[in-house]
Structure formats: C-alpha cells, structure tokens
Protein backbone atom coordinates (compact mmCIF):
# COMPACT_ATOMS: atom_id res chain seq x y z
CA MET A 1 12.54 -10.85 -11.28
CA ASN A 2 9.31 -8.99 -9.63
CA ALA A 3 8.66 -5.86 -11.62
CA ILE A 4 8.22 -3.58 -8.12
CA VAL A 5 12.06 -4.88 -7.04
CA THR A 6 13.49 -4.39 -10.64
CA ALA A 7 12.39 -0.68 -10.40
CA ALA A 8 12.93 0.02 -7.12
CA ARG A 9 16.88 -1.68 -7.61
CA ALA A 10 17.32 0.76 -11.10
CA TRP A 11 17.69 3.72 -7.97
CA ILE A 12 20.04 2.08 -6.00
CA GLY A 13 22.94 5.17 -5.84
CA THR A 14 20.31 7.32 -6.22
CA LYS A 15 21.34 10.44 -3.60
CA TYR A 16 19.16 11.60 -0.83
CA VAL A 17 17.24 14.79 -1.53
CA HIS A 18 14.67 15.55 0.72
CA GLN A 19 11.41 16.08 -1.35
CA ALA A 20 12.58 14.48 -4.88
CA SER A 21 11.49 11.38 -6.63
CA LEU A 22 14.33 11.63 -10.12
CA ARG A 23 16.37 8.16 -10.02
CA GLY A 24 19.70 9.49 -10.77
CA GLY A 25 19.47 13.04 -9.55
CA GLY A 26 17.82 12.71 -5.54
CA THR A 27 15.34 10.86 -3.58
CA ASP A 28 13.63 10.58 0.02
CA CYS A 29 12.01 6.89 1.00
CA LEU A 30 8.44 8.72 -0.05
CA GLY A 31 10.27 10.16 -3.55
CA LEU A 32 11.54 6.26 -3.78
CA VAL A 33 7.64 4.49 -3.71
CA ARG A 34 6.21 7.42 -5.82
CA GLY A 35 8.76 7.61 -8.96
CA VAL A 36 8.62 3.47 -8.70
CA TRP A 37 4.55 4.14 -8.50
CA ARG A 38 5.33 5.84 -11.58
CA GLU A 39 7.69 3.79 -13.58
CA LEU A 40 4.78 0.50 -13.13
CA TYR A 41 1.11 1.84 -12.91
CA GLY A 42 1.93 6.01 -14.82
CA ASP A 43 0.49 9.18 -12.52
CA GLU A 44 0.52 8.82 -8.85
CA PRO A 45 -2.61 8.29 -7.28
CA GLU A 46 -2.99 11.63 -5.45
CA ALA A 47 -0.57 14.69 -5.51
CA VAL A 48 2.10 15.03 -2.49
CA PRO A 49 1.37 18.31 -0.16
CA ALA A 50 4.61 19.67 0.65
CA TYR A 51 6.32 17.89 4.07
CA SER A 52 8.45 18.53 6.45
CA ARG A 53 11.40 16.27 7.71
CA ASP A 54 8.80 15.67 10.90
CA TRP A 55 6.18 14.32 8.59
CA ALA A 56 3.93 15.62 10.97
CA GLU A 57 4.75 14.48 14.18
CA PRO A 58 3.68 17.38 16.08
CA GLN A 59 0.33 17.28 15.61
CA GLY A 60 0.33 13.38 15.27
CA LEU A 61 -0.81 12.38 12.11
CA GLU A 62 -0.56 9.44 10.44
CA VAL A 63 -0.05 11.36 6.86
CA LEU A 64 1.91 7.99 5.16
CA PHE A 65 -0.15 5.44 7.08
CA GLU A 66 -3.43 6.43 6.07
CA ALA A 67 -1.88 7.39 2.07
CA ALA A 68 -0.82 3.87 2.14
CA GLY A 69 -4.14 2.20 3.45
CA ARG A 70 -5.52 4.45 0.59
CA HIS A 71 -3.91 2.48 -2.26
CA LEU A 72 -2.58 -0.38 -0.93
CA ALA A 73 -3.36 -3.53 0.67
CA ARG A 74 -2.78 -4.13 4.12
CA VAL A 75 -0.59 -7.62 4.74
CA PRO A 76 -0.91 -9.21 8.22
CA ARG A 77 1.72 -9.62 9.86
CA SER A 78 1.82 -13.44 10.14
CA ARG A 79 2.84 -13.03 6.31
CA SER A 80 6.81 -14.35 5.65
CA PHE A 81 7.92 -11.41 3.41
CA GLN A 82 7.60 -11.00 -0.16
CA ALA A 83 9.39 -9.54 -2.59
CA GLY A 84 8.00 -5.81 -3.56
CA GLU A 85 6.31 -5.39 -0.34
CA LEU A 86 6.09 -2.25 0.66
CA LEU A 87 7.19 -1.60 4.77
CA LEU A 88 6.36 1.47 6.46
CA PHE A 89 8.64 2.18 9.27
CA ARG A 90 7.80 4.06 12.95
CA MET A 91 11.88 5.43 13.82
CA ARG A 92 10.47 5.06 17.73
CA ASP A 93 8.25 3.81 19.82
CA ALA A 94 4.76 5.47 19.69
CA ALA A 95 6.05 7.76 17.35
CA ILE A 96 4.11 8.67 13.53
CA ALA A 97 5.10 5.99 10.77
CA LYS A 98 7.61 8.42 8.45
CA HIS A 99 9.75 5.98 6.33
CA LEU A 100 9.04 3.85 3.83
CA GLY A 101 10.80 1.11 1.77
CA ILE A 102 10.34 -1.63 -0.70
CA ILE A 103 11.11 -5.90 0.20
CA GLY A 104 13.92 -6.79 -2.14
CA ASP A 105 14.42 -10.42 -1.33
CA GLY A 106 11.93 -11.77 0.72
CA GLY A 107 11.70 -15.37 2.44
CA ASN A 108 14.09 -16.50 5.90
CA THR A 109 16.93 -13.30 5.18
CA PRO A 110 14.60 -10.44 3.39
CA THR A 111 16.08 -7.08 2.31
CA PHE A 112 14.33 -3.59 1.56
CA ILE A 113 15.16 -0.75 -0.27
CA HIS A 114 15.10 2.67 1.17
CA ALA A 115 16.49 5.98 1.08
CA TYR A 116 17.50 7.45 4.15
CA THR A 117 19.67 10.84 4.71
CA GLY A 118 23.61 10.49 3.80
CA HIS A 119 23.78 7.65 2.68
CA GLY A 120 20.85 7.38 -0.89
CA VAL A 121 18.60 4.13 -1.57
CA VAL A 122 20.65 1.59 -0.70
CA GLU A 123 19.44 -2.11 -0.30
CA THR A 124 20.16 -3.32 3.48
CA HIS A 125 19.37 -6.70 4.91
CA LEU A 126 16.44 -6.03 7.53
CA SER A 127 17.44 -6.77 10.42
CA SER A 128 16.34 -6.86 13.98
CA PRO A 129 16.11 -2.89 14.82
CA TRP A 130 14.77 -2.60 11.70
CA ASN A 131 12.04 -5.32 11.57
CA ARG A 132 11.04 -4.02 15.10
CA ARG A 133 9.96 -0.71 14.18
CA ILE A 134 7.71 -2.13 11.38
CA ALA A 135 4.13 -0.17 11.62
CA ALA A 136 2.88 -1.88 8.53
CA ARG A 137 3.11 -3.76 5.88
CA PHE A 138 1.38 -3.36 2.05
CA ASP A 139 1.07 -4.57 -1.20
CA PHE A 140 1.14 -3.01 -4.24
CA PRO A 141 -1.57 -3.12 -6.78
CA PRO A 142 -1.33 -6.25 -9.50
CA ILE A 143 0.41 -4.84 -12.58
CA ILE A 144 -1.42 -4.87 -15.62
CA ASP A 145 0.01 -6.70 -18.50
CA GLU A 146 -0.38 -4.12 -20.82
CA GLU A 147 0.18 -7.15 -23.60
CA ASN A 148 -2.44 -9.33 -22.91
C-alpha cells in the first residue's frame, strides 16, 4: 500500500473544520494534506498563513497552485492517475484553484480522499464533474526509508 494513501485514509471520518489540521479532531482540505506531510516528512515545508474561505479569489492569486509548485513535482495530464498523487481543483471555470485531494486508488476508476464542508474527510470516486475541475496534478517527494 502507498504510504501517502495509508496516511490520508487514516483521516477518513475527521470532521470538517476550516483552517484546522488535526486527525480525528477537525480539518479542511489543506489541513489533510498538511497532516499527511507531517506524518511522512516531518515539519511542514513552509508556514501557512491564515486564509479565508475565498482563498484570495477576489485578488485572483493562485496561492495553492504556487505553493504546490514549490514543494511537489507537477504531473502531466496524460499520465494515468497514480495512488498518492495530489489533485488541485478549480471549483468554477476561470476561478482560482482552491481545493485539494489525494488519489486513493489509481487506474481506470480512481478515487480521491479530501475534506469538504458538511462531509469531513471522505474517499470519493473521481467522477466526471470532479475530473473536469482538476487544475493540476502533483507527486509528493520520495519518502526516505529510515531503515536504509
């Protein structure tokens, strides 16, 4: 099993709390990704400033997209979905990217793990409506095996 997926699935059932990142206590979509990062890599790569639900939308700033590009490797759209891949979504056409998820199962019927209002952390099929909202895909860095 992919360590990223295992870590993300451990958050399933955590309630949605804006700006939180506590497995079993509360999280939002970014908090889920932050928690997985802390579990697998240690300290977060950069401090996360306070953020509103509109994610800098009025200013048109691609805060999440730019942060992902600084710490993760961009994946070409042509590659099949891989377990553990980070997905970045635009919830509306021409809007900034402001939702995140992690591929649970890749292949022809992919699933993704994410947190959203009213549902908390769930694993959902990557249906056509979700698929067409994908703004970018990223790979996490390799996990260094502490035993080697």
